[in-house]
Amino acid sequence: MARKLAKSTLQRFKKKLEEERERLEQIIEEIDQEREEVRISETSSDRSPDPNTAEGGSLAFELEKELSVAQNAQDILSKVDRARKRISHGTYGVCERCGESIPLERLEALPYSTTCVACASAR
């Protein structure tokens, strides 16, 4: 049977999740701005979108890396939002798979965790 987290503990995790949400939104916004700047400058003669040139290859690599970072941030953001909903529904800190408590150490490291270590490893 899962233990119920204290109200103060839930408030601490709620704050931590809100801060993480803000940080992730900032990352996504910055990458979107950079991609827009690159898109606009692609038509200038300063930038070569041709991946067969060294400069074009570097540009393509950087864009791909930024897309990967943005996608990762978006994935974590959805997990953060899910965790915030679990707080409001009273299920935060309970493993979705087995129903046991998620250790506080795991929640400290990954406040958006929805499974205990054993269930996460079993995936």
PDB file of N, CA and C in Angstrom:
ATOM      1  N   MET A   1       0.845  -1.186   0.000  1.00  0.00           N
ATOM      2  CA  MET A   1       0.000   0.000   0.000  1.00  0.00           C
ATOM      3  C   MET A   1       0.889   1.248   0.000  1.00  0.00           C
ATOM      4  N   ALA A   2       0.546   2.187  -0.834  1.00  0.00           N
ATOM      5  CA  ALA A   2       1.336   3.413  -0.980  1.00  0.00           C
ATOM      6  C   ALA A   2       1.087   4.366   0.186  1.00  0.00           C
ATOM      7  N   ARG A   3       2.156   5.037   0.592  1.00  0.00           N
ATOM      8  CA  ARG A   3       2.029   6.035   1.648  1.00  0.00           C
ATOM      9  C   ARG A   3       1.531   7.338   1.042  1.00  0.00           C
ATOM     10  N   LYS A   4       0.869   8.121   1.842  1.00  0.00           N
ATOM     11  CA  LYS A   4       0.393   9.424   1.388  1.00  0.00           C
ATOM     12  C   LYS A   4       1.453  10.464   1.742  1.00  0.00           C
ATOM     13  N   LEU A   5       1.812  11.278   0.779  1.00  0.00           N
ATOM     14  CA  LEU A   5       2.824  12.309   1.013  1.00  0.00           C
ATOM     15  C   LEU A   5       2.221  13.446   1.833  1.00  0.00           C
ATOM     16  N   ALA A   6       3.049  14.017   2.707  1.00  0.00           N
ATOM     17  CA  ALA A   6       2.621  15.155   3.520  1.00  0.00           C
ATOM     18  C   ALA A   6       2.337  16.351   2.621  1.00  0.00           C
ATOM     19  N   LYS A   7       1.443  17.194   3.070  1.00  0.00           N
ATOM     20  CA  LYS A   7       1.056  18.380   2.302  1.00  0.00           C
ATOM     21  C   LYS A   7       2.271  19.263   1.996  1.00  0.00           C
ATOM     22  N   SER A   8       3.170  19.413   2.968  1.00  0.00           N
ATOM     23  CA  SER A   8       4.364  20.244   2.758  1.00  0.00           C
ATOM     24  C   SER A   8       5.284  19.622   1.705  1.00  0.00           C
ATOM     25  N   THR A   9       5.355  18.292   1.684  1.00  0.00           N
ATOM     26  CA  THR A   9       6.173  17.600   0.688  1.00  0.00           C
ATOM     27  C   THR A   9       5.572  17.790  -0.698  1.00  0.00           C
ATOM     28  N   LEU A  10       4.265  17.661  -0.784  1.00  0.00           N
ATOM     29  CA  LEU A  10       3.590  17.880  -2.072  1.00  0.00           C
ATOM     30  C   LEU A  10       3.794  19.304  -2.571  1.00  0.00           C
ATOM     31  N   GLN A  11       3.727  20.269  -1.665  1.00  0.00           N
ATOM     32  CA  GLN A  11       3.940  21.677  -2.042  1.00  0.00           C
ATOM     33  C   GLN A  11       5.361  21.887  -2.559  1.00  0.00           C
ATOM     34  N   ARG A  12       6.322  21.225  -1.905  1.00  0.00           N
ATOM     35  CA  ARG A  12       7.718  21.343  -2.337  1.00  0.00           C
ATOM     36  C   ARG A  12       7.894  20.779  -3.744  1.00  0.00           C
ATOM     37  N   PHE A  13       7.297  19.615  -4.008  1.00  0.00           N
ATOM     38  CA  PHE A  13       7.406  19.018  -5.338  1.00  0.00           C
ATOM     39  C   PHE A  13       6.626  19.821  -6.373  1.00  0.00           C
ATOM     40  N   LYS A  14       5.504  20.371  -5.966  1.00  0.00           N
ATOM     41  CA  LYS A  14       4.720  21.210  -6.886  1.00  0.00           C
ATOM     42  C   LYS A  14       5.550  22.415  -7.325  1.00  0.00           C
ATOM     43  N   LYS A  15       6.234  23.031  -6.369  1.00  0.00           N
ATOM     44  CA  LYS A  15       7.092  24.180  -6.691  1.00  0.00           C
ATOM     45  C   LYS A  15       8.241  23.754  -7.602  1.00  0.00           C
ATOM     46  N   LYS A  16       8.842  22.613  -7.286  1.00  0.00           N
ATOM     47  CA  LYS A  16       9.947  22.101  -8.088  1.00  0.00           C
ATOM     48  C   LYS A  16       9.491  21.836  -9.527  1.00  0.00           C
ATOM     49  N   LEU A  17       8.303  21.265  -9.686  1.00  0.00           N
ATOM     50  CA  LEU A  17       7.757  20.987 -11.017  1.00  0.00           C
ATOM     51  C   LEU A  17       7.446  22.280 -11.771  1.00  0.00           C
ATOM     52  N   GLU A  18       6.932  23.280 -11.072  1.00  0.00           N
ATOM     53  CA  GLU A  18       6.642  24.560 -11.710  1.00  0.00           C
ATOM     54  C   GLU A  18       7.929  25.224 -12.203  1.00  0.00           C
ATOM     55  N   GLU A  19       8.978  25.153 -11.388  1.00  0.00           N
ATOM     56  CA  GLU A  19      10.273  25.718 -11.796  1.00  0.00           C
ATOM     57  C   GLU A  19      10.832  24.971 -13.008  1.00  0.00           C
ATOM     58  N   GLU A  20      10.693  23.658 -13.006  1.00  0.00           N
ATOM     59  CA  GLU A  20      11.173  22.854 -14.133  1.00  0.00           C
ATOM     60  C   GLU A  20      10.377  23.187 -15.396  1.00  0.00           C
ATOM     61  N   ARG A  21       9.083  23.398 -15.229  1.00  0.00           N
ATOM     62  CA  ARG A  21       8.227  23.760 -16.370  1.00  0.00           C
ATOM     63  C   ARG A  21       8.694  25.079 -16.977  1.00  0.00           C
ATOM     64  N   GLU A  22       8.940  26.058 -16.141  1.00  0.00           N
ATOM     65  CA  GLU A  22       9.414  27.365 -16.621  1.00  0.00           C
ATOM     66  C   GLU A  22      10.752  27.234 -17.342  1.00  0.00           C
ATOM     67  N   ARG A  23      11.662  26.440 -16.776  1.00  0.00           N
ATOM     68  CA  ARG A  23      12.977  26.245 -17.380  1.00  0.00           C
ATOM     69  C   ARG A  23      12.853  25.589 -18.754  1.00  0.00           C
ATOM     70  N   LEU A  24      12.026  24.575 -18.863  1.00  0.00           N
ATOM     71  CA  LEU A  24      11.831  23.876 -20.133  1.00  0.00           C
ATOM     72  C   LEU A  24      11.169  24.773 -21.176  1.00  0.00           C
ATOM     73  N   GLU A  25      10.184  25.545 -20.759  1.00  0.00           N
ATOM     74  CA  GLU A  25       9.532  26.466 -21.693  1.00  0.00           C
ATOM     75  C   GLU A  25      10.522  27.483 -22.228  1.00  0.00           C
ATOM     76  N   GLN A  26      11.428  27.943 -21.379  1.00  0.00           N
ATOM     77  CA  GLN A  26      12.461  28.895 -21.797  1.00  0.00           C
ATOM     78  C   GLN A  26      13.380  28.262 -22.841  1.00  0.00           C
ATOM     79  N   ILE A  27      13.800  27.025 -22.596  1.00  0.00           N
ATOM     80  CA  ILE A  27      14.668  26.316 -23.544  1.00  0.00           C
ATOM     81  C   ILE A  27      13.975  26.183 -24.894  1.00  0.00           C
ATOM     82  N   ILE A  28      12.730  25.759 -24.870  1.00  0.00           N
ATOM     83  CA  ILE A  28      11.967  25.577 -26.115  1.00  0.00           C
ATOM     84  C   ILE A  28      11.812  26.898 -26.850  1.00  0.00           C
ATOM     85  N   GLU A  29      11.512  27.952 -26.115  1.00  0.00           N
ATOM     86  CA  GLU A  29      11.345  29.271 -26.735  1.00  0.00           C
ATOM     87  C   GLU A  29      12.649  29.760 -27.369  1.00  0.00           C
ATOM     88  N   GLU A  30      13.770  29.579 -26.673  1.00  0.00           N
ATOM     89  CA  GLU A  30      15.064  30.013 -27.208  1.00  0.00           C
ATOM     90  C   GLU A  30      15.416  29.248 -28.482  1.00  0.00           C
ATOM     91  N   ILE A  31      15.169  27.949 -28.489  1.00  0.00           N
ATOM     92  CA  ILE A  31      15.469  27.151 -29.673  1.00  0.00           C
ATOM     93  C   ILE A  31      14.568  27.558 -30.829  1.00  0.00           C
ATOM     94  N   ASP A  32      13.300  27.807 -30.545  1.00  0.00           N
ATOM     95  CA  ASP A  32      12.387  28.260 -31.601  1.00  0.00           C
ATOM     96  C   ASP A  32      12.851  29.587 -32.201  1.00  0.00           C
ATOM     97  N   GLN A  33      13.322  30.493 -31.348  1.00  0.00           N
ATOM     98  CA  GLN A  33      13.819  31.784 -31.833  1.00  0.00           C
ATOM     99  C   GLN A  33      15.062  31.590 -32.695  1.00  0.00           C
ATOM    100  N   GLU A  34      15.976  30.732 -32.252  1.00  0.00           N
ATOM    101  CA  GLU A  34      17.196  30.476 -33.018  1.00  0.00           C
ATOM    102  C   GLU A  34      16.858  29.857 -34.373  1.00  0.00           C
ATOM    103  N   ARG A  35      15.926  28.922 -34.395  1.00  0.00           N
ATOM    104  CA  ARG A  35      15.536  28.277 -35.650  1.00  0.00           C
ATOM    105  C   ARG A  35      14.899  29.286 -36.602  1.00  0.00           C
ATOM    106  N   GLU A  36      14.123  30.193 -36.060  1.00  0.00           N
ATOM    107  CA  GLU A  36      13.503  31.226 -36.903  1.00  0.00           C
ATOM    108  C   GLU A  36      14.567  32.154 -37.480  1.00  0.00           C
ATOM    109  N   GLU A  37      15.552  32.509 -36.662  1.00  0.00           N
ATOM    110  CA  GLU A  37      16.644  33.363 -37.148  1.00  0.00           C
ATOM    111  C   GLU A  37      17.414  32.669 -38.266  1.00  0.00           C
ATOM    112  N   VAL A  38      17.673  31.375 -38.096  1.00  0.00           N
ATOM    113  CA  VAL A  38      18.388  30.610 -39.122  1.00  0.00           C
ATOM    114  C   VAL A  38      17.550  30.534 -40.389  1.00  0.00           C
ATOM    115  N   ARG A  39      16.255  30.291 -40.228  1.00  0.00           N
ATOM    116  CA  ARG A  39      15.367  30.194 -41.387  1.00  0.00           C
ATOM    117  C   ARG A  39      15.381  31.488 -42.184  1.00  0.00           C
ATOM    118  N   ILE A  40      15.336  32.601 -41.485  1.00  0.00           N
ATOM    119  CA  ILE A  40      15.342  33.905 -42.150  1.00  0.00           C
ATOM    120  C   ILE A  40      16.680  34.151 -42.833  1.00  0.00           C
ATOM    121  N   SER A  41      17.775  33.768 -42.179  1.00  0.00           N
ATOM    122  CA  SER A  41      19.100  34.047 -42.739  1.00  0.00           C
ATOM    123  C   SER A  41      19.518  33.040 -43.805  1.00  0.00           C
ATOM    124  N   GLU A  42      18.792  31.935 -43.953  1.00  0.00           N
ATOM    125  CA  GLU A  42      19.152  30.942 -44.975  1.00  0.00           C
ATOM    126  C   GLU A  42      19.133  31.527 -46.384  1.00  0.00           C
ATOM    127  N   THR A  43      18.305  32.529 -46.580  1.00  0.00           N
ATOM    128  CA  THR A  43      18.226  33.127 -47.906  1.00  0.00           C
ATOM    129  C   THR A  43      19.341  34.126 -48.160  1.00  0.00           C
ATOM    130  N   SER A  44      20.061  34.504 -47.097  1.00  0.00           N
ATOM    131  CA  SER A  44      21.161  35.447 -47.297  1.00  0.00           C
ATOM    132  C   SER A  44      22.367  34.711 -47.864  1.00  0.00           C
ATOM    133  N   SER A  45      23.263  35.438 -48.448  1.00  0.00           N
ATOM    134  CA  SER A  45      24.464  34.823 -49.032  1.00  0.00           C
ATOM    135  C   SER A  45      25.471  34.419 -47.962  1.00  0.00           C
ATOM    136  N   ASP A  46      25.253  34.864 -46.705  1.00  0.00           N
ATOM    137  CA  ASP A  46      26.175  34.519 -45.612  1.00  0.00           C
ATOM    138  C   ASP A  46      26.069  33.049 -45.219  1.00  0.00           C
ATOM    139  N   ARG A  47      24.908  32.485 -45.398  1.00  0.00           N
ATOM    140  CA  ARG A  47      24.684  31.117 -44.956  1.00  0.00           C
ATOM    141  C   ARG A  47      24.421  30.222 -46.158  1.00  0.00           C
ATOM    142  N   SER A  48      24.994  29.052 -46.120  1.00  0.00           N
ATOM    143  CA  SER A  48      24.788  28.096 -47.195  1.00  0.00           C
ATOM    144  C   SER A  48      24.054  26.881 -46.648  1.00  0.00           C
ATOM    145  N   PRO A  49      22.809  26.673 -47.034  1.00  0.00           N
ATOM    146  CA  PRO A  49      22.088  25.509 -46.534  1.00  0.00           C
ATOM    147  C   PRO A  49      22.519  24.212 -47.221  1.00  0.00           C
ATOM    148  N   ASP A  50      23.439  24.299 -48.185  1.00  0.00           N
ATOM    149  CA  ASP A  50      23.907  23.122 -48.916  1.00  0.00           C
ATOM    150  C   ASP A  50      24.712  22.227 -47.978  1.00  0.00           C
ATOM    151  N   PRO A  51      24.191  21.025 -47.644  1.00  0.00           N
ATOM    152  CA  PRO A  51      24.893  20.157 -46.703  1.00  0.00           C
ATOM    153  C   PRO A  51      26.187  19.585 -47.265  1.00  0.00           C
ATOM    154  N   ASN A  52      26.457  19.784 -48.560  1.00  0.00           N
ATOM    155  CA  ASN A  52      27.688  19.288 -49.161  1.00  0.00           C
ATOM    156  C   ASN A  52      28.878  20.197 -48.898  1.00  0.00           C
ATOM    157  N   THR A  53      28.619  21.384 -48.371  1.00  0.00           N
ATOM    158  CA  THR A  53      29.719  22.281 -48.011  1.00  0.00           C
ATOM    159  C   THR A  53      29.985  22.138 -46.516  1.00  0.00           C
ATOM    160  N   ALA A  54      31.180  22.502 -46.088  1.00  0.00           N
ATOM    161  CA  ALA A  54      31.526  22.398 -44.665  1.00  0.00           C
ATOM    162  C   ALA A  54      30.600  23.263 -43.816  1.00  0.00           C
ATOM    163  N   GLU A  55      30.380  24.483 -44.266  1.00  0.00           N
ATOM    164  CA  GLU A  55      29.521  25.396 -43.515  1.00  0.00           C
ATOM    165  C   GLU A  55      28.087  24.884 -43.490  1.00  0.00           C
ATOM    166  N   GLY A  56      27.616  24.391 -44.629  1.00  0.00           N
ATOM    167  CA  GLY A  56      26.257  23.862 -44.702  1.00  0.00           C
ATOM    168  C   GLY A  56      26.087  22.614 -43.854  1.00  0.00           C
ATOM    169  N   GLY A  57      27.114  21.772 -43.827  1.00  0.00           N
ATOM    170  CA  GLY A  57      27.072  20.573 -42.992  1.00  0.00           C
ATOM    171  C   GLY A  57      27.025  20.916 -41.514  1.00  0.00           C
ATOM    172  N   SER A  58      27.817  21.914 -41.121  1.00  0.00           N
ATOM    173  CA  SER A  58      27.799  22.358 -39.724  1.00  0.00           C
ATOM    174  C   SER A  58      26.441  22.934 -39.354  1.00  0.00           C
ATOM    175  N   LEU A  59      25.876  23.722 -40.263  1.00  0.00           N
ATOM    176  CA  LEU A  59      24.567  24.310 -40.029  1.00  0.00           C
ATOM    177  C   LEU A  59      23.511  23.220 -39.882  1.00  0.00           C
ATOM    178  N   ALA A  60      23.551  22.227 -40.764  1.00  0.00           N
ATOM    179  CA  ALA A  60      22.590  21.120 -40.698  1.00  0.00           C
ATOM    180  C   ALA A  60      22.737  20.359 -39.384  1.00  0.00           C
ATOM    181  N   PHE A  61      23.980  20.120 -38.951  1.00  0.00           N
ATOM    182  CA  PHE A  61      24.232  19.423 -37.690  1.00  0.00           C
ATOM    183  C   PHE A  61      23.672  20.210 -36.513  1.00  0.00           C
ATOM    184  N   GLU A  62      23.938  21.510 -36.492  1.00  0.00           N
ATOM    185  CA  GLU A  62      23.450  22.355 -35.395  1.00  0.00           C
ATOM    186  C   GLU A  62      21.925  22.374 -35.348  1.00  0.00           C
ATOM    187  N   LEU A  63      21.292  22.466 -36.509  1.00  0.00           N
ATOM    188  CA  LEU A  63      19.826  22.469 -36.550  1.00  0.00           C
ATOM    189  C   LEU A  63      19.265  21.145 -36.044  1.00  0.00           C
ATOM    190  N   GLU A  64      19.891  20.055 -36.443  1.00  0.00           N
ATOM    191  CA  GLU A  64      19.443  18.738 -35.997  1.00  0.00           C
ATOM    192  C   GLU A  64      19.607  18.585 -34.489  1.00  0.00           C
ATOM    193  N   LYS A  65      20.718  19.078 -33.969  1.00  0.00           N
ATOM    194  CA  LYS A  65      20.974  19.019 -32.528  1.00  0.00           C
ATOM    195  C   LYS A  65      19.928  19.841 -31.767  1.00  0.00           C
ATOM    196  N   GLU A  66      19.630  21.033 -32.258  1.00  0.00           N
ATOM    197  CA  GLU A  66      18.631  21.874 -31.610  1.00  0.00           C
ATOM    198  C   GLU A  66      17.252  21.234 -31.654  1.00  0.00           C
ATOM    199  N   LEU A  67      16.915  20.599 -32.763  1.00  0.00           N
ATOM    200  CA  LEU A  67      15.625  19.907 -32.853  1.00  0.00           C
ATOM    201  C   LEU A  67      15.548  18.778 -31.832  1.00  0.00           C
ATOM    202  N   SER A  68      16.652  18.069 -31.652  1.00  0.00           N
ATOM    203  CA  SER A  68      16.701  16.978 -30.688  1.00  0.00           C
ATOM    204  C   SER A  68      16.526  17.506 -29.263  1.00  0.00           C
ATOM    205  N   VAL A  69      17.210  18.579 -28.936  1.00  0.00           N
ATOM    206  CA  VAL A  69      17.100  19.189 -27.606  1.00  0.00           C
ATOM    207  C   VAL A  69      15.676  19.696 -27.389  1.00  0.00           C
ATOM    208  N   ALA A  70      15.102  20.332 -28.400  1.00  0.00           N
ATOM    209  CA  ALA A  70      13.736  20.847 -28.279  1.00  0.00           C
ATOM    210  C   ALA A  70      12.740  19.709 -28.079  1.00  0.00           C
ATOM    211  N   GLN A  71      12.913  18.614 -28.810  1.00  0.00           N
ATOM    212  CA  GLN A  71      12.009  17.473 -28.673  1.00  0.00           C
ATOM    213  C   GLN A  71      12.132  16.855 -27.288  1.00  0.00           C
ATOM    214  N   ASN A  72      13.358  16.732 -26.790  1.00  0.00           N
ATOM    215  CA  ASN A  72      13.580  16.199 -25.451  1.00  0.00           C
ATOM    216  C   ASN A  72      12.932  17.101 -24.402  1.00  0.00           C
ATOM    217  N   ALA A  73      13.111  18.401 -24.543  1.00  0.00           N
ATOM    218  CA  ALA A  73      12.505  19.347 -23.609  1.00  0.00           C
ATOM    219  C   ALA A  73      10.987  19.250 -23.658  1.00  0.00           C
ATOM    220  N   GLN A  74      10.430  19.090 -24.852  1.00  0.00           N
ATOM    221  CA  GLN A  74       8.976  18.961 -25.005  1.00  0.00           C
ATOM    222  C   GLN A  74       8.480  17.679 -24.338  1.00  0.00           C
ATOM    223  N   ASP A  75       9.222  16.587 -24.496  1.00  0.00           N
ATOM    224  CA  ASP A  75       8.842  15.309 -23.872  1.00  0.00           C
ATOM    225  C   ASP A  75       8.846  15.430 -22.346  1.00  0.00           C
ATOM    226  N   ILE A  76       9.895  16.041 -21.797  1.00  0.00           N
ATOM    227  CA  ILE A  76       9.973  16.201 -20.346  1.00  0.00           C
ATOM    228  C   ILE A  76       8.882  17.152 -19.866  1.00  0.00           C
ATOM    229  N   LEU A  77       8.604  18.192 -20.647  1.00  0.00           N
ATOM    230  CA  LEU A  77       7.548  19.130 -20.287  1.00  0.00           C
ATOM    231  C   LEU A  77       6.200  18.415 -20.164  1.00  0.00           C
ATOM    232  N   SER A  78       5.914  17.494 -21.066  1.00  0.00           N
ATOM    233  CA  SER A  78       4.646  16.761 -20.965  1.00  0.00           C
ATOM    234  C   SER A  78       4.633  15.872 -19.718  1.00  0.00           C
ATOM    235  N   LYS A  79       5.801  15.325 -19.344  1.00  0.00           N
ATOM    236  CA  LYS A  79       5.887  14.528 -18.112  1.00  0.00           C
ATOM    237  C   LYS A  79       5.680  15.413 -16.881  1.00  0.00           C
ATOM    238  N   VAL A  80       6.234  16.621 -16.926  1.00  0.00           N
ATOM    239  CA  VAL A  80       6.054  17.570 -15.823  1.00  0.00           C
ATOM    240  C   VAL A  80       4.572  17.918 -15.677  1.00  0.00           C
ATOM    241  N   ASP A  81       3.910  18.186 -16.789  1.00  0.00           N
ATOM    242  CA  ASP A  81       2.484  18.514 -16.741  1.00  0.00           C
ATOM    243  C   ASP A  81       1.663  17.347 -16.189  1.00  0.00           C
ATOM    244  N   ARG A  82       2.042  16.151 -16.598  1.00  0.00           N
ATOM    245  CA  ARG A  82       1.359  14.950 -16.104  1.00  0.00           C
ATOM    246  C   ARG A  82       1.546  14.815 -14.593  1.00  0.00           C
ATOM    247  N   ALA A  83       2.756  15.062 -14.105  1.00  0.00           N
ATOM    248  CA  ALA A  83       3.032  14.985 -12.668  1.00  0.00           C
ATOM    249  C   ALA A  83       2.234  16.031 -11.902  1.00  0.00           C
ATOM    250  N   ARG A  84       2.118  17.218 -12.466  1.00  0.00           N
ATOM    251  CA  ARG A  84       1.335  18.282 -11.820  1.00  0.00           C
ATOM    252  C   ARG A  84      -0.129  17.877 -11.709  1.00  0.00           C
ATOM    253  N   LYS A  85      -0.654  17.204 -12.734  1.00  0.00           N
ATOM    254  CA  LYS A  85      -2.039  16.709 -12.677  1.00  0.00           C
ATOM    255  C   LYS A  85      -2.181  15.638 -11.614  1.00  0.00           C
ATOM    256  N   ARG A  86      -1.156  14.801 -11.496  1.00  0.00           N
ATOM    257  CA  ARG A  86      -1.199  13.743 -10.480  1.00  0.00           C
ATOM    258  C   ARG A  86      -1.220  14.342  -9.072  1.00  0.00           C
ATOM    259  N   ILE A  87      -0.553  15.467  -8.874  1.00  0.00           N
ATOM    260  CA  ILE A  87      -0.620  16.144  -7.572  1.00  0.00           C
ATOM    261  C   ILE A  87      -2.059  16.574  -7.298  1.00  0.00           C
ATOM    262  N   SER A  88      -2.682  17.199  -8.283  1.00  0.00           N
ATOM    263  CA  SER A  88      -4.049  17.689  -8.066  1.00  0.00           C
ATOM    264  C   SER A  88      -5.067  16.550  -7.919  1.00  0.00           C
ATOM    265  N   HIS A  89      -4.759  15.375  -8.495  1.00  0.00           N
ATOM    266  CA  HIS A  89      -5.662  14.223  -8.371  1.00  0.00           C
ATOM    267  C   HIS A  89      -5.353  13.344  -7.161  1.00  0.00           C
ATOM    268  N   GLY A  90      -4.266  13.682  -6.438  1.00  0.00           N
ATOM    269  CA  GLY A  90      -3.914  12.918  -5.247  1.00  0.00           C
ATOM    270  C   GLY A  90      -3.191  11.611  -5.529  1.00  0.00           C
ATOM    271  N   THR A  91      -2.636  11.454  -6.726  1.00  0.00           N
ATOM    272  CA  THR A  91      -1.943  10.210  -7.066  1.00  0.00           C
ATOM    273  C   THR A  91      -0.434  10.402  -7.221  1.00  0.00           C
ATOM    274  N   TYR A  92       0.055  11.592  -6.945  1.00  0.00           N
ATOM    275  CA  TYR A  92       1.481  11.859  -7.076  1.00  0.00           C
ATOM    276  C   TYR A  92       2.257  11.031  -6.052  1.00  0.00           C
ATOM    277  N   GLY A  93       3.367  10.447  -6.500  1.00  0.00           N
ATOM    278  CA  GLY A  93       4.204   9.664  -5.612  1.00  0.00           C
ATOM    279  C   GLY A  93       3.813   8.204  -5.531  1.00  0.00           C
ATOM    280  N   VAL A  94       2.787   7.820  -6.304  1.00  0.00           N
ATOM    281  CA  VAL A  94       2.331   6.429  -6.344  1.00  0.00           C
ATOM    282  C   VAL A  94       2.649   5.875  -7.726  1.00  0.00           C
ATOM    283  N   CYS A  95       3.298   4.708  -7.771  1.00  0.00           N
ATOM    284  CA  CYS A  95       3.670   4.079  -9.034  1.00  0.00           C
ATOM    285  C   CYS A  95       2.417   3.729  -9.835  1.00  0.00           C
ATOM    286  N   GLU A  96       2.410   4.136 -11.090  1.00  0.00           N
ATOM    287  CA  GLU A  96       1.281   3.849 -11.972  1.00  0.00           C
ATOM    288  C   GLU A  96       1.143   2.364 -12.294  1.00  0.00           C
ATOM    289  N   ARG A  97       2.236   1.635 -12.223  1.00  0.00           N
ATOM    290  CA  ARG A  97       2.210   0.214 -12.607  1.00  0.00           C
ATOM    291  C   ARG A  97       1.853  -0.705 -11.441  1.00  0.00           C
ATOM    292  N   CYS A  98       2.518  -0.525 -10.301  1.00  0.00           N
ATOM    293  CA  CYS A  98       2.306  -1.471  -9.196  1.00  0.00           C
ATOM    294  C   CYS A  98       1.519  -0.900  -8.030  1.00  0.00           C
ATOM    295  N   GLY A  99       1.354   0.422  -7.993  1.00  0.00           N
ATOM    296  CA  GLY A  99       0.587   1.039  -6.914  1.00  0.00           C
ATOM    297  C   GLY A  99       1.360   1.288  -5.641  1.00  0.00           C
ATOM    298  N   GLU A 100       2.640   0.954  -5.633  1.00  0.00           N
ATOM    299  CA  GLU A 100       3.481   1.190  -4.456  1.00  0.00           C
ATOM    300  C   GLU A 100       3.996   2.632  -4.463  1.00  0.00           C
ATOM    301  N   SER A 101       4.512   3.057  -3.333  1.00  0.00           N
ATOM    302  CA  SER A 101       5.077   4.405  -3.224  1.00  0.00           C
ATOM    303  C   SER A 101       6.351   4.522  -4.044  1.00  0.00           C
ATOM    304  N   ILE A 102       6.517   5.663  -4.685  1.00  0.00           N
ATOM    305  CA  ILE A 102       7.768   5.980  -5.370  1.00  0.00           C
ATOM    306  C   ILE A 102       8.684   6.573  -4.298  1.00  0.00           C
ATOM    307  N   PRO A 103       9.894   6.045  -4.139  1.00  0.00           N
ATOM    308  CA  PRO A 103      10.789   6.572  -3.101  1.00  0.00           C
ATOM    309  C   PRO A 103      11.036   8.078  -3.277  1.00  0.00           C
ATOM    310  N   LEU A 104      11.112   8.774  -2.156  1.00  0.00           N
ATOM    311  CA  LEU A 104      11.350  10.222  -2.195  1.00  0.00           C
ATOM    312  C   LEU A 104      12.647  10.560  -2.909  1.00  0.00           C
ATOM    313  N   GLU A 105      13.654   9.705  -2.777  1.00  0.00           N
ATOM    314  CA  GLU A 105      14.935   9.948  -3.448  1.00  0.00           C
ATOM    315  C   GLU A 105      14.735   9.991  -4.962  1.00  0.00           C
ATOM    316  N   ARG A 106      13.886   9.106  -5.475  1.00  0.00           N
ATOM    317  CA  ARG A 106      13.608   9.087  -6.916  1.00  0.00           C
ATOM    318  C   ARG A 106      12.850  10.349  -7.319  1.00  0.00           C
ATOM    319  N   LEU A 107      11.886  10.747  -6.514  1.00  0.00           N
ATOM    320  CA  LEU A 107      11.125  11.965  -6.821  1.00  0.00           C
ATOM    321  C   LEU A 107      12.007  13.203  -6.737  1.00  0.00           C
ATOM    322  N   GLU A 108      12.976  13.183  -5.835  1.00  0.00           N
ATOM    323  CA  GLU A 108      13.915  14.318  -5.743  1.00  0.00           C
ATOM    324  C   GLU A 108      14.726  14.424  -7.031  1.00  0.00           C
ATOM    325  N   ALA A 109      15.173  13.273  -7.542  1.00  0.00           N
ATOM    326  CA  ALA A 109      15.991  13.264  -8.753  1.00  0.00           C
ATOM    327  C   ALA A 109      15.152  13.520  -9.998  1.00  0.00           C
ATOM    328  N   LEU A 110      13.991  12.898 -10.079  1.00  0.00           N
ATOM    329  CA  LEU A 110      13.083  13.024 -11.225  1.00  0.00           C
ATOM    330  C   LEU A 110      11.673  13.311 -10.700  1.00  0.00           C
ATOM    331  N   PRO A 111      11.374  14.555 -10.398  1.00  0.00           N
ATOM    332  CA  PRO A 111      10.076  14.864  -9.787  1.00  0.00           C
ATOM    333  C   PRO A 111       8.875  14.518 -10.671  1.00  0.00           C
ATOM    334  N   TYR A 112       9.123  14.237 -11.936  1.00  0.00           N
ATOM    335  CA  TYR A 112       8.036  13.873 -12.851  1.00  0.00           C
ATOM    336  C   TYR A 112       7.898  12.366 -13.011  1.00  0.00           C
ATOM    337  N   SER A 113       8.587  11.590 -12.158  1.00  0.00           N
ATOM    338  CA  SER A 113       8.501  10.123 -12.210  1.00  0.00           C
ATOM    339  C   SER A 113       7.079   9.665 -11.927  1.00  0.00           C
ATOM    340  N   THR A 114       6.642   8.657 -12.671  1.00  0.00           N
ATOM    341  CA  THR A 114       5.327   8.080 -12.437  1.00  0.00           C
ATOM    342  C   THR A 114       5.418   6.607 -12.057  1.00  0.00           C
ATOM    343  N   THR A 115       6.659   6.093 -12.035  1.00  0.00           N
ATOM    344  CA  THR A 115       6.862   4.696 -11.657  1.00  0.00           C
ATOM    345  C   THR A 115       7.998   4.580 -10.651  1.00  0.00           C
ATOM    346  N   CYS A 116       7.944   3.513  -9.883  1.00  0.00           N
ATOM    347  CA  CYS A 116       9.036   3.232  -8.946  1.00  0.00           C
ATOM    348  C   CYS A 116      10.233   2.705  -9.758  1.00  0.00           C
ATOM    349  N   VAL A 117      11.359   2.551  -9.111  1.00  0.00           N
ATOM    350  CA  VAL A 117      12.570   2.112  -9.775  1.00  0.00           C
ATOM    351  C   VAL A 117      12.392   0.719 -10.387  1.00  0.00           C
ATOM    352  N   ALA A 118      11.786  -0.194  -9.633  1.00  0.00           N
ATOM    353  CA  ALA A 118      11.617  -1.571 -10.125  1.00  0.00           C
ATOM    354  C   ALA A 118      10.758  -1.598 -11.391  1.00  0.00           C
ATOM    355  N   CYS A 119       9.653  -0.867 -11.412  1.00  0.00           N
ATOM    356  CA  CYS A 119       8.782  -0.852 -12.588  1.00  0.00           C
ATOM    357  C   CYS A 119       9.435  -0.119 -13.759  1.00  0.00           C
ATOM    358  N   ALA A 120      10.197   0.923 -13.466  1.00  0.00           N
ATOM    359  CA  ALA A 120      10.901   1.641 -14.524  1.00  0.00           C
ATOM    360  C   ALA A 120      11.960   0.744 -15.154  1.00  0.00           C
ATOM    361  N   SER A 121      12.636  -0.062 -14.333  1.00  0.00           N
ATOM    362  CA  SER A 121      13.659  -0.976 -14.842  1.00  0.00           C
ATOM    363  C   SER A 121      13.036  -2.103 -15.658  1.00  0.00           C
ATOM    364  N   ALA A 122      11.833  -2.525 -15.295  1.00  0.00           N
ATOM    365  CA  ALA A 122      11.150  -3.609 -15.988  1.00  0.00           C
ATOM    366  C   ALA A 122      10.716  -3.222 -17.396  1.00  0.00           C
ATOM    367  N   ARG A 123      10.595  -1.936 -17.633  1.00  0.00           N
ATOM    368  CA  ARG A 123      10.197  -1.481 -18.969  1.00  0.00           C
ATOM    369  C   ARG A 123      11.290  -1.794 -19.906  1.00  0.00           C
TER     370      ARG A 123
END
